[in-house]
Amino acid sequence: MITMRRALQNTAQGKLITSGADNGFRKFCPAADFIGFDGHFPDYPILPAMLQILLGIIVSEELYGQKLALLKLDKAKFMARIQPEQSITVSCKINRPAAENLQQTIKARIIITSKEQKAASMTLFLQQI
């Protein structure tokens, strides 16, 4: 059985593009048969907010280079619907903790764009696992 995380990762187009150690983005394009659209909504499928948050975590992990757990979601705004076959870009800016405080919270600012406009934005507070 495929997990939702793996299903989302399979929608990726290309690799993570970085600009320094703390900034990066990756493109995704969920197909019409992507499992995340099932039931949300039957005649008008859109990508659920929870999956947009999971995309933010996935890109944060790639940029940080380690598995991360979500501790808190802050300032989440979902401004545009993401539909099947719609290319999206998930951008991430990470504030890394100091080397001596690796158990400190990691703050990731996520912006999701589609059709050259902001579709969602959020701040994730994460911790290494």
C-alpha atoms as a PDB file:
ATOM      1  CA  MET A   1       0.000   0.000   0.000  1.00  0.00           C
ATOM      2  CA  ILE A   2       1.344   3.404  -0.952  1.00  0.00           C
ATOM      3  CA  THR A   3       1.345   6.111   1.718  1.00  0.00           C
ATOM      4  CA  MET A   4       0.003   9.598   1.066  1.00  0.00           C
ATOM      5  CA  ARG A   5       3.534  10.959   1.577  1.00  0.00           C
ATOM      6  CA  ARG A   6       4.893   8.636  -1.129  1.00  0.00           C
ATOM      7  CA  ALA A   7       1.958   9.468  -3.423  1.00  0.00           C
ATOM      8  CA  LEU A   8       2.749  13.186  -3.068  1.00  0.00           C
ATOM      9  CA  GLN A   9       6.464  12.592  -3.624  1.00  0.00           C
ATOM     10  CA  ASN A  10       5.575  10.736  -6.821  1.00  0.00           C
ATOM     11  CA  THR A  11       3.934  13.919  -8.169  1.00  0.00           C
ATOM     12  CA  ALA A  12       7.276  15.779  -8.005  1.00  0.00           C
ATOM     13  CA  GLN A  13       8.755  17.197 -11.176  1.00  0.00           C
ATOM     14  CA  GLY A  14      12.522  17.307 -11.033  1.00  0.00           C
ATOM     15  CA  LYS A  15      14.678  17.789  -7.959  1.00  0.00           C
ATOM     16  CA  LEU A  16      14.824  20.338  -5.181  1.00  0.00           C
ATOM     17  CA  ILE A  17      16.350  23.593  -6.438  1.00  0.00           C
ATOM     18  CA  THR A  18      18.292  25.445  -3.749  1.00  0.00           C
ATOM     19  CA  SER A  19      19.481  28.997  -3.326  1.00  0.00           C
ATOM     20  CA  GLY A  20      21.913  28.722  -0.448  1.00  0.00           C
ATOM     21  CA  ALA A  21      21.516  26.269   2.429  1.00  0.00           C
ATOM     22  CA  ASP A  22      18.269  27.742   3.737  1.00  0.00           C
ATOM     23  CA  ASN A  23      16.140  28.416   0.637  1.00  0.00           C
ATOM     24  CA  GLY A  24      14.744  26.043  -1.944  1.00  0.00           C
ATOM     25  CA  PHE A  25      11.781  25.035  -4.040  1.00  0.00           C
ATOM     26  CA  ARG A  26      10.388  22.009  -5.801  1.00  0.00           C
ATOM     27  CA  LYS A  27       7.686  21.602  -8.415  1.00  0.00           C
ATOM     28  CA  PHE A  28       4.805  19.128  -8.216  1.00  0.00           C
ATOM     29  CA  CYS A  29       1.922  18.254 -10.536  1.00  0.00           C
ATOM     30  CA  PRO A  30      -0.731  15.875  -9.164  1.00  0.00           C
ATOM     31  CA  ALA A  31      -2.468  13.946 -11.958  1.00  0.00           C
ATOM     32  CA  ALA A  32      -6.223  13.592 -12.225  1.00  0.00           C
ATOM     33  CA  ASP A  33      -6.002  10.067 -10.741  1.00  0.00           C
ATOM     34  CA  PHE A  34      -3.912  11.205  -7.732  1.00  0.00           C
ATOM     35  CA  ILE A  35      -5.358   9.533  -4.622  1.00  0.00           C
ATOM     36  CA  GLY A  36      -5.390  12.810  -2.680  1.00  0.00           C
ATOM     37  CA  PHE A  37      -8.252  14.090  -4.842  1.00  0.00           C
ATOM     38  CA  ASP A  38     -10.504  11.132  -3.967  1.00  0.00           C
ATOM     39  CA  GLY A  39     -13.664  12.457  -2.347  1.00  0.00           C
ATOM     40  CA  HIS A  40     -12.423  16.050  -2.170  1.00  0.00           C
ATOM     41  CA  PHE A  41     -14.739  16.882  -3.980  1.00  0.00           C
ATOM     42  CA  PRO A  42     -16.417  14.343  -6.305  1.00  0.00           C
ATOM     43  CA  ASP A  43     -17.383  16.727  -9.123  1.00  0.00           C
ATOM     44  CA  TYR A  44     -14.751  19.402  -8.451  1.00  0.00           C
ATOM     45  CA  PRO A  45     -11.492  17.877  -7.154  1.00  0.00           C
ATOM     46  CA  ILE A  46      -9.123  20.155  -5.233  1.00  0.00           C
ATOM     47  CA  LEU A  47      -5.958  19.396  -3.270  1.00  0.00           C
ATOM     48  CA  PRO A  48      -6.860  19.296   0.451  1.00  0.00           C
ATOM     49  CA  ALA A  49      -5.161  21.768   2.796  1.00  0.00           C
ATOM     50  CA  MET A  50      -3.650  18.892   4.822  1.00  0.00           C
ATOM     51  CA  LEU A  51      -1.841  17.657   1.726  1.00  0.00           C
ATOM     52  CA  GLN A  52      -0.548  21.147   0.994  1.00  0.00           C
ATOM     53  CA  ILE A  53       0.846  21.196   4.543  1.00  0.00           C
ATOM     54  CA  LEU A  54       2.421  17.769   3.933  1.00  0.00           C
ATOM     55  CA  LEU A  55       4.051  19.124   0.755  1.00  0.00           C
ATOM     56  CA  GLY A  56       5.557  21.882   2.894  1.00  0.00           C
ATOM     57  CA  ILE A  57       6.945  19.299   5.317  1.00  0.00           C
ATOM     58  CA  ILE A  58       8.368  17.195   2.452  1.00  0.00           C
ATOM     59  CA  VAL A  59      10.195  20.173   0.915  1.00  0.00           C
ATOM     60  CA  SER A  60      11.404  21.298   4.374  1.00  0.00           C
ATOM     61  CA  GLU A  61      12.855  17.829   5.000  1.00  0.00           C
ATOM     62  CA  GLU A  62      14.622  17.829   1.645  1.00  0.00           C
ATOM     63  CA  LEU A  63      16.114  21.256   2.302  1.00  0.00           C
ATOM     64  CA  TYR A  64      17.065  20.444   5.903  1.00  0.00           C
ATOM     65  CA  GLY A  65      18.408  17.002   4.974  1.00  0.00           C
ATOM     66  CA  GLN A  66      16.635  15.092   7.723  1.00  0.00           C
ATOM     67  CA  LYS A  67      13.211  13.747   8.728  1.00  0.00           C
ATOM     68  CA  LEU A  68      11.135  16.338  10.573  1.00  0.00           C
ATOM     69  CA  ALA A  69       7.999  16.201  12.703  1.00  0.00           C
ATOM     70  CA  LEU A  70       5.384  18.945  12.643  1.00  0.00           C
ATOM     71  CA  LEU A  71       4.988  20.599  16.043  1.00  0.00           C
ATOM     72  CA  LYS A  72       2.835  23.570  15.108  1.00  0.00           C
ATOM     73  CA  LEU A  73       1.211  25.211  12.109  1.00  0.00           C
ATOM     74  CA  ASP A  74       0.919  28.996  12.132  1.00  0.00           C
ATOM     75  CA  LYS A  75      -0.439  31.683   9.820  1.00  0.00           C
ATOM     76  CA  ALA A  76      -1.837  29.216   7.290  1.00  0.00           C
ATOM     77  CA  LYS A  77      -3.728  30.829   4.418  1.00  0.00           C
ATOM     78  CA  PHE A  78      -5.181  28.962   1.471  1.00  0.00           C
ATOM     79  CA  MET A  79      -6.008  31.481  -1.244  1.00  0.00           C
ATOM     80  CA  ALA A  80      -6.500  29.475  -4.424  1.00  0.00           C
ATOM     81  CA  ARG A  81      -7.753  26.008  -5.297  1.00  0.00           C
ATOM     82  CA  ILE A  82      -5.240  23.519  -6.646  1.00  0.00           C
ATOM     83  CA  GLN A  83      -6.828  21.189  -9.165  1.00  0.00           C
ATOM     84  CA  PRO A  84      -5.637  18.074 -11.019  1.00  0.00           C
ATOM     85  CA  GLU A  85      -2.908  18.513 -13.632  1.00  0.00           C
ATOM     86  CA  GLN A  86      -2.090  21.935 -12.173  1.00  0.00           C
ATOM     87  CA  SER A  87       1.637  22.544 -11.749  1.00  0.00           C
ATOM     88  CA  ILE A  88       2.559  23.987  -8.357  1.00  0.00           C
ATOM     89  CA  THR A  89       5.777  25.244  -6.809  1.00  0.00           C
ATOM     90  CA  VAL A  90       6.456  24.712  -3.110  1.00  0.00           C
ATOM     91  CA  SER A  91       9.038  27.192  -1.806  1.00  0.00           C
ATOM     92  CA  CYS A  92      10.683  26.896   1.590  1.00  0.00           C
ATOM     93  CA  LYS A  93      12.848  29.163   3.709  1.00  0.00           C
ATOM     94  CA  ILE A  94      14.257  27.495   6.833  1.00  0.00           C
ATOM     95  CA  ASN A  95      15.628  29.081   9.994  1.00  0.00           C
ATOM     96  CA  ARG A  96      18.136  26.522  11.226  1.00  0.00           C
ATOM     97  CA  PRO A  97      18.942  26.194  14.942  1.00  0.00           C
ATOM     98  CA  ALA A  98      22.502  26.753  16.109  1.00  0.00           C
ATOM     99  CA  ALA A  99      24.709  23.642  16.009  1.00  0.00           C
ATOM    100  CA  GLU A 100      24.718  23.380  19.812  1.00  0.00           C
ATOM    101  CA  ASN A 101      20.875  23.485  19.930  1.00  0.00           C
ATOM    102  CA  LEU A 102      19.915  20.820  17.401  1.00  0.00           C
ATOM    103  CA  GLN A 103      16.779  19.887  19.378  1.00  0.00           C
ATOM    104  CA  GLN A 104      15.528  23.450  19.058  1.00  0.00           C
ATOM    105  CA  THR A 105      12.474  24.129  16.908  1.00  0.00           C
ATOM    106  CA  ILE A 106      13.045  24.618  13.175  1.00  0.00           C
ATOM    107  CA  LYS A 107      10.909  27.313  11.566  1.00  0.00           C
ATOM    108  CA  ALA A 108       9.997  26.862   7.899  1.00  0.00           C
ATOM    109  CA  ARG A 109       8.166  29.508   5.872  1.00  0.00           C
ATOM    110  CA  ILE A 110       6.255  27.835   3.025  1.00  0.00           C
ATOM    111  CA  ILE A 111       4.725  29.475  -0.039  1.00  0.00           C
ATOM    112  CA  ILE A 112       2.842  27.456  -2.649  1.00  0.00           C
ATOM    113  CA  THR A 113       2.296  29.059  -6.025  1.00  0.00           C
ATOM    114  CA  SER A 114       0.206  27.989  -8.974  1.00  0.00           C
ATOM    115  CA  LYS A 115      -0.587  29.759 -12.215  1.00  0.00           C
ATOM    116  CA  GLU A 116       2.012  32.347 -11.182  1.00  0.00           C
ATOM    117  CA  GLN A 117       0.038  33.427  -8.129  1.00  0.00           C
ATOM    118  CA  LYS A 118       0.174  32.546  -4.442  1.00  0.00           C
ATOM    119  CA  ALA A 119      -2.125  29.607  -3.669  1.00  0.00           C
ATOM    120  CA  ALA A 120      -1.123  29.077  -0.010  1.00  0.00           C
ATOM    121  CA  SER A 121       1.280  30.272   2.644  1.00  0.00           C
ATOM    122  CA  MET A 122       2.102  28.932   6.086  1.00  0.00           C
ATOM    123  CA  THR A 123       4.724  28.767   8.788  1.00  0.00           C
ATOM    124  CA  LEU A 124       5.673  25.310  10.024  1.00  0.00           C
ATOM    125  CA  PHE A 125       7.407  24.685  13.328  1.00  0.00           C
ATOM    126  CA  LEU A 126       9.285  21.407  13.024  1.00  0.00           C
ATOM    127  CA  GLN A 127      11.636  19.215  15.029  1.00  0.00           C
ATOM    128  CA  GLN A 128      14.167  16.591  14.007  1.00  0.00           C
ATOM    129  CA  ILE A 129      13.085  12.989  14.524  1.00  0.00           C
END
